C-alpha atoms as a PDB file:
ATOM      1  CA  MET A   1     102.378  76.412 103.426  1.00  0.00           C
ATOM      2  CA  SER A   2     102.803  79.403 101.119  1.00  0.00           C
ATOM      3  CA  ALA A   3     101.056  82.705 101.699  1.00  0.00           C
ATOM      4  CA  PRO A   4      98.035  83.396  99.493  1.00  0.00           C
ATOM      5  CA  GLU A   5      98.546  85.956  96.759  1.00  0.00           C
ATOM      6  CA  LEU A   6      97.924  89.459  97.991  1.00  0.00           C
ATOM      7  CA  GLN A   7      95.443  91.785  96.264  1.00  0.00           C
ATOM      8  CA  LEU A   8      94.943  95.371  97.406  1.00  0.00           C
ATOM      9  CA  ASP A   9      92.392  97.924  96.221  1.00  0.00           C
ATOM     10  CA  ALA A  10      94.186 101.294  96.126  1.00  0.00           C
ATOM     11  CA  ARG A  11      90.879 103.098  96.757  1.00  0.00           C
ATOM     12  CA  LYS A  12      90.419 101.308 100.093  1.00  0.00           C
ATOM     13  CA  THR A  13      94.026 100.880 101.226  1.00  0.00           C
ATOM     14  CA  ALA A  14      96.261 103.317 103.107  1.00  0.00           C
ATOM     15  CA  LEU A  15      99.974 103.191 103.770  1.00  0.00           C
ATOM     16  CA  VAL A  16     100.641 104.096 107.416  1.00  0.00           C
ATOM     17  CA  LEU A  17     104.293 104.750 108.266  1.00  0.00           C
ATOM     18  CA  ILE A  18     105.155 104.977 111.948  1.00  0.00           C
ATOM     19  CA  ASP A  19     107.801 107.288 113.452  1.00  0.00           C
ATOM     20  CA  LEU A  20     110.104 107.647 110.449  1.00  0.00           C
ATOM     21  CA  GLN A  21     111.533 110.857 111.834  1.00  0.00           C
ATOM     22  CA  ALA A  22     114.933 112.365 112.491  1.00  0.00           C
ATOM     23  CA  GLY A  23     115.282 111.528 116.178  1.00  0.00           C
ATOM     24  CA  ILE A  24     114.281 107.896 115.750  1.00  0.00           C
ATOM     25  CA  VAL A  25     116.118 106.909 112.559  1.00  0.00           C
ATOM     26  CA  ALA A  26     119.317 108.238 114.179  1.00  0.00           C
ATOM     27  CA  MET A  27     119.191 105.462 116.803  1.00  0.00           C
ATOM     28  CA  PRO A  28     121.011 102.146 116.347  1.00  0.00           C
ATOM     29  CA  LEU A  29     118.430  99.840 114.755  1.00  0.00           C
ATOM     30  CA  GLN A  30     118.163  96.090 114.093  1.00  0.00           C
ATOM     31  CA  PRO A  31     117.710  93.904 112.110  1.00  0.00           C
ATOM     32  CA  ASN A  32     117.069  96.310 109.208  1.00  0.00           C
ATOM     33  CA  SER A  33     119.089  99.499 108.915  1.00  0.00           C
ATOM     34  CA  ALA A  34     117.400 102.893 108.942  1.00  0.00           C
ATOM     35  CA  ALA A  35     118.611 103.450 105.369  1.00  0.00           C
ATOM     36  CA  SER A  36     116.974 100.250 104.082  1.00  0.00           C
ATOM     37  CA  VAL A  37     113.730 100.917 105.967  1.00  0.00           C
ATOM     38  CA  LEU A  38     113.597 104.462 104.579  1.00  0.00           C
ATOM     39  CA  ALA A  39     114.327 103.247 101.034  1.00  0.00           C
ATOM     40  CA  ASN A  40     111.536 100.656 101.210  1.00  0.00           C
ATOM     41  CA  ALA A  41     109.147 103.123 102.853  1.00  0.00           C
ATOM     42  CA  ARG A  42     109.877 105.610 100.051  1.00  0.00           C
ATOM     43  CA  ALA A  43     109.229 102.955  97.399  1.00  0.00           C
ATOM     44  CA  LEU A  44     105.916 102.133  99.069  1.00  0.00           C
ATOM     45  CA  ALA A  45     104.943 105.794  99.441  1.00  0.00           C
ATOM     46  CA  ASP A  46     105.794 106.532  95.811  1.00  0.00           C
ATOM     47  CA  GLY A  47     103.800 103.488  94.692  1.00  0.00           C
ATOM     48  CA  PHE A  48     100.785 104.521  96.759  1.00  0.00           C
ATOM     49  CA  ARG A  49     100.969 108.140  95.576  1.00  0.00           C
ATOM     50  CA  ALA A  50     101.238 107.037  91.920  1.00  0.00           C
ATOM     51  CA  ARG A  51      97.954 105.157  92.372  1.00  0.00           C
ATOM     52  CA  ASN A  52      96.293 108.035  94.266  1.00  0.00           C
ATOM     53  CA  ALA A  53      96.213 105.866  97.388  1.00  0.00           C
ATOM     54  CA  LEU A  54      96.406 107.428 100.826  1.00  0.00           C
ATOM     55  CA  VAL A  55      99.769 107.849 102.565  1.00  0.00           C
ATOM     56  CA  VAL A  56      99.767 108.603 106.298  1.00  0.00           C
ATOM     57  CA  LEU A  57     102.965 109.745 107.974  1.00  0.00           C
ATOM     58  CA  VAL A  58     102.774 109.292 111.739  1.00  0.00           C
ATOM     59  CA  LYS A  59     105.268 110.973 114.008  1.00  0.00           C
ATOM     60  CA  VAL A  60     105.642 111.021 117.745  1.00  0.00           C
ATOM     61  CA  ALA A  61     106.166 114.174 119.756  1.00  0.00           C
ATOM     62  CA  PHE A  62     106.981 114.319 123.415  1.00  0.00           C
ATOM     63  CA  PRO A  63     104.033 114.873 125.745  1.00  0.00           C
ATOM     64  CA  GLY A  64     104.479 118.561 126.402  1.00  0.00           C
ATOM     65  CA  ALA A  65     102.561 119.298 129.567  1.00  0.00           C
ATOM     66  CA  PRO A  66     104.775 119.230 132.648  1.00  0.00           C
ATOM     67  CA  GLY A  67     102.960 117.618 135.548  1.00  0.00           C
ATOM     68  CA  GLY A  68     100.925 115.375 133.276  1.00  0.00           C
ATOM     69  CA  LEU A  69     100.354 111.758 134.204  1.00  0.00           C
ATOM     70  CA  ARG A  70     103.518 109.698 133.778  1.00  0.00           C
ATOM     71  CA  PRO A  71     103.262 106.032 134.717  1.00  0.00           C
ATOM     72  CA  VAL A  72     106.153 104.744 136.786  1.00  0.00           C
ATOM     73  CA  THR A  73     108.142 102.067 134.915  1.00  0.00           C
ATOM     74  CA  ASP A  74     111.131  99.842 135.642  1.00  0.00           C
ATOM     75  CA  ALA A  75     112.803 100.711 132.332  1.00  0.00           C
ATOM     76  CA  ALA A  76     114.301 104.155 131.897  1.00  0.00           C
ATOM     77  CA  ARG A  77     112.451 106.486 129.528  1.00  0.00           C
ATOM     78  CA  ALA A  78     113.705 109.299 127.399  1.00  0.00           C
ATOM     79  CA  GLN A  79     113.336 112.750 128.877  1.00  0.00           C
ATOM     80  CA  GLU A  80     109.776 113.792 128.041  1.00  0.00           C
ATOM     81  CA  THR A  81     109.791 117.469 128.874  1.00  0.00           C
ATOM     82  CA  ALA A  82     111.970 119.013 126.173  1.00  0.00           C
ATOM     83  CA  GLU A  83     112.127 117.652 122.652  1.00  0.00           C
ATOM     84  CA  PRO A  84     115.478 118.281 120.910  1.00  0.00           C
ATOM     85  CA  ALA A  85     115.228 120.606 117.902  1.00  0.00           C
ATOM     86  CA  GLY A  86     114.296 118.673 114.759  1.00  0.00           C
ATOM     87  CA  TRP A  87     113.726 115.406 116.651  1.00  0.00           C
ATOM     88  CA  SER A  88     110.186 114.881 115.328  1.00  0.00           C
ATOM     89  CA  ASP A  89     110.829 116.160 111.791  1.00  0.00           C
ATOM     90  CA  SER A  90     109.729 113.644 109.154  1.00  0.00           C
ATOM     91  CA  CYS A  91     112.612 112.184 107.174  1.00  0.00           C
ATOM     92  CA  ALA A  92     113.209 113.985 103.888  1.00  0.00           C
ATOM     93  CA  GLU A  93     113.909 110.580 102.308  1.00  0.00           C
ATOM     94  CA  LEU A  94     110.152 109.911 102.362  1.00  0.00           C
ATOM     95  CA  GLY A  95     109.499 112.744  99.927  1.00  0.00           C
ATOM     96  CA  ALA A  96     106.285 113.825 101.657  1.00  0.00           C
ATOM     97  CA  GLY A  97     103.527 114.495  99.144  1.00  0.00           C
ATOM     98  CA  ALA A  98     100.935 117.256  99.178  1.00  0.00           C
ATOM     99  CA  SER A  99      98.114 114.727  99.655  1.00  0.00           C
ATOM    100  CA  ASP A 100      99.803 112.885 102.534  1.00  0.00           C
ATOM    101  CA  ILE A 101      98.209 113.107 105.949  1.00  0.00           C
ATOM    102  CA  VAL A 102     100.470 113.772 108.920  1.00  0.00           C
ATOM    103  CA  ILE A 103      99.357 112.461 112.303  1.00  0.00           C
ATOM    104  CA  THR A 104     101.178 113.521 115.465  1.00  0.00           C
ATOM    105  CA  LYS A 105     100.835 111.085 118.329  1.00  0.00           C
ATOM    106  CA  ARG A 106     101.983 111.454 121.913  1.00  0.00           C
ATOM    107  CA  GLN A 107     101.815 107.806 122.910  1.00  0.00           C
ATOM    108  CA  TRP A 108     103.084 104.567 121.377  1.00  0.00           C
ATOM    109  CA  GLY A 109     100.045 103.916 119.193  1.00  0.00           C
ATOM    110  CA  ALA A 110      98.831 106.082 116.322  1.00  0.00           C
ATOM    111  CA  PHE A 111      95.131 105.660 117.122  1.00  0.00           C
ATOM    112  CA  TYR A 112      95.110 106.775 120.761  1.00  0.00           C
ATOM    113  CA  GLY A 113      94.372 110.495 121.121  1.00  0.00           C
ATOM    114  CA  THR A 114      94.544 111.251 117.372  1.00  0.00           C
ATOM    115  CA  ASP A 115      92.095 111.491 114.485  1.00  0.00           C
ATOM    116  CA  LEU A 116      93.697 108.615 112.524  1.00  0.00           C
ATOM    117  CA  ASP A 117      90.573 106.432 112.610  1.00  0.00           C
ATOM    118  CA  LEU A 118      88.401 109.352 111.464  1.00  0.00           C
ATOM    119  CA  GLN A 119      90.806 110.221 108.628  1.00  0.00           C
ATOM    120  CA  LEU A 120      90.810 106.611 107.395  1.00  0.00           C
ATOM    121  CA  ARG A 121      87.073 105.955 107.722  1.00  0.00           C
ATOM    122  CA  ARG A 122      86.011 109.202 106.049  1.00  0.00           C
ATOM    123  CA  ARG A 123      87.989 108.062 102.983  1.00  0.00           C
ATOM    124  CA  GLY A 124      86.506 104.554 102.948  1.00  0.00           C
ATOM    125  CA  ILE A 125      89.765 102.856 103.975  1.00  0.00           C
ATOM    126  CA  ASP A 126      89.368  99.296 105.236  1.00  0.00           C
ATOM    127  CA  THR A 127      92.945  98.055 104.828  1.00  0.00           C
ATOM    128  CA  ILE A 128      96.181  99.510 106.157  1.00  0.00           C
ATOM    129  CA  VAL A 129      99.730  98.678 105.155  1.00  0.00           C
ATOM    130  CA  LEU A 130     102.055  99.270 108.105  1.00  0.00           C
ATOM    131  CA  GLY A 131     105.767  99.959 108.361  1.00  0.00           C
ATOM    132  CA  GLY A 132     108.065 102.038 110.532  1.00  0.00           C
ATOM    133  CA  ILE A 133     110.048 102.069 113.727  1.00  0.00           C
ATOM    134  CA  ALA A 134     109.960 100.391 116.185  1.00  0.00           C
ATOM    135  CA  THR A 135     108.327  97.118 115.225  1.00  0.00           C
ATOM    136  CA  SER A 136     107.589  96.079 118.808  1.00  0.00           C
ATOM    137  CA  ILE A 137     106.537  99.507 120.066  1.00  0.00           C
ATOM    138  CA  GLY A 138     104.889 102.041 117.746  1.00  0.00           C
ATOM    139  CA  VAL A 139     104.075  99.650 114.897  1.00  0.00           C
ATOM    140  CA  ASP A 140     102.817  96.887 117.208  1.00  0.00           C
ATOM    141  CA  THR A 141     100.700  99.208 119.374  1.00  0.00           C
ATOM    142  CA  THR A 142      99.164 100.807 116.287  1.00  0.00           C
ATOM    143  CA  ALA A 143      98.528  97.366 114.771  1.00  0.00           C
ATOM    144  CA  ARG A 144      96.747  96.066 117.836  1.00  0.00           C
ATOM    145  CA  ALA A 145      94.448  99.094 117.870  1.00  0.00           C
ATOM    146  CA  ALA A 146      93.832  98.762 114.128  1.00  0.00           C
ATOM    147  CA  TYR A 147      92.827  95.143 114.675  1.00  0.00           C
ATOM    148  CA  GLU A 148      90.427  96.218 117.426  1.00  0.00           C
ATOM    149  CA  HIS A 149      88.986  98.822 115.012  1.00  0.00           C
ATOM    150  CA  GLY A 150      88.412  96.092 112.393  1.00  0.00           C
ATOM    151  CA  TYR A 151      91.011  97.076 109.771  1.00  0.00           C
ATOM    152  CA  GLN A 152      92.614  94.518 107.487  1.00  0.00           C
ATOM    153  CA  GLN A 153      96.386  94.794 107.916  1.00  0.00           C
ATOM    154  CA  ILE A 154      99.509  94.096 105.907  1.00  0.00           C
ATOM    155  CA  PHE A 155     102.854  94.352 107.720  1.00  0.00           C
ATOM    156  CA  VAL A 156     105.812  95.148 105.492  1.00  0.00           C
ATOM    157  CA  ASP A 157     108.679  93.230 107.050  1.00  0.00           C
ATOM    158  CA  ASP A 158     111.462  94.993 105.146  1.00  0.00           C
ATOM    159  CA  ALA A 159     110.006  98.468 105.863  1.00  0.00           C
ATOM    160  CA  MET A 160     110.205  98.165 109.638  1.00  0.00           C
ATOM    161  CA  THR A 161     112.863  97.626 112.246  1.00  0.00           C
ATOM    162  CA  ASP A 162     113.465  97.885 115.976  1.00  0.00           C
ATOM    163  CA  LEU A 163     116.000  98.819 118.607  1.00  0.00           C
ATOM    164  CA  HIS A 164     116.905  95.128 118.976  1.00  0.00           C
ATOM    165  CA  THR A 165     116.540  92.089 116.723  1.00  0.00           C
ATOM    166  CA  GLU A 166     114.720  89.908 119.267  1.00  0.00           C
ATOM    167  CA  PRO A 167     111.590  92.053 119.794  1.00  0.00           C
ATOM    168  CA  HIS A 168     111.335  92.658 116.039  1.00  0.00           C
ATOM    169  CA  ALA A 169     111.543  88.930 115.299  1.00  0.00           C
ATOM    170  CA  SER A 170     109.175  87.998 118.122  1.00  0.00           C
ATOM    171  CA  THR A 171     106.532  90.537 117.076  1.00  0.00           C
ATOM    172  CA  CYS A 172     106.717  89.421 113.432  1.00  0.00           C
ATOM    173  CA  ARG A 173     106.587  85.754 114.398  1.00  0.00           C
ATOM    174  CA  PHE A 174     103.986  85.694 117.165  1.00  0.00           C
ATOM    175  CA  ILE A 175     101.822  88.841 117.004  1.00  0.00           C
ATOM    176  CA  PHE A 176     101.490  90.079 113.427  1.00  0.00           C
ATOM    177  CA  PRO A 177     100.378  86.743 111.893  1.00  0.00           C
ATOM    178  CA  ARG A 178      97.478  86.694 114.384  1.00  0.00           C
ATOM    179  CA  ILE A 179      96.176  90.141 113.405  1.00  0.00           C
ATOM    180  CA  GLY A 180      97.165  90.493 109.747  1.00  0.00           C
ATOM    181  CA  ARG A 181      99.492  89.361 106.983  1.00  0.00           C
ATOM    182  CA  ILE A 182     103.230  89.865 106.597  1.00  0.00           C
ATOM    183  CA  ARG A 183     104.618  90.709 103.163  1.00  0.00           C
ATOM    184  CA  SER A 184     107.602  92.439 101.552  1.00  0.00           C
ATOM    185  CA  THR A 185     107.726  95.827  99.847  1.00  0.00           C
ATOM    186  CA  ALA A 186     107.844  94.116  96.448  1.00  0.00           C
ATOM    187  CA  GLN A 187     104.793  91.963  97.248  1.00  0.00           C
ATOM    188  CA  VAL A 188     102.765  94.974  98.409  1.00  0.00           C
ATOM    189  CA  LEU A 189     103.630  97.048  95.341  1.00  0.00           C
ATOM    190  CA  LYS A 190     102.764  94.137  93.048  1.00  0.00           C
ATOM    191  CA  ALA A 191      99.411  93.673  94.816  1.00  0.00           C
ATOM    192  CA  LEU A 192      98.353  97.327  94.770  1.00  0.00           C
ATOM    193  CA  ALA A 193      95.871  97.788  91.924  1.00  0.00           C
END
């Protein structure tokens, strides 16, 4: 069964790019390289900007307050008290535009504890196009919240990647089709009117 043709209204659609920042793109990533994700994200951002559509650059910063609540986990976490210099800087390859919105999150998802929903709703956005790193963490958590908020979603499979191939593939196969549609950079740009 082939996917139905995609049509996007630039006035009601926002590109939301998750954690494309210096400290994250420097990690070993799979299955897509950081360079290919950044190139596709830039093509999307340029296409959205050319149509006066909203571009949202989301970055994560370490929770700064020592003594704050930190759930105990079995998996080791990165040190969360001191962020290395430049770690959360947005990648220059994205060519940030003057009209772009920058959201700084302190958790996995871009909706929790930020004004992302307010920024989208005040502009009449009902559809978000998602890409970024990591597919199974920041992108997935943001996508689940977006679904709960009622947004239509398009996941750009060649503009996202993960720390490992398996969680990326699993998220794209089992989660994203249940809460949105998966398309390529080329398909999204073709559909954006």
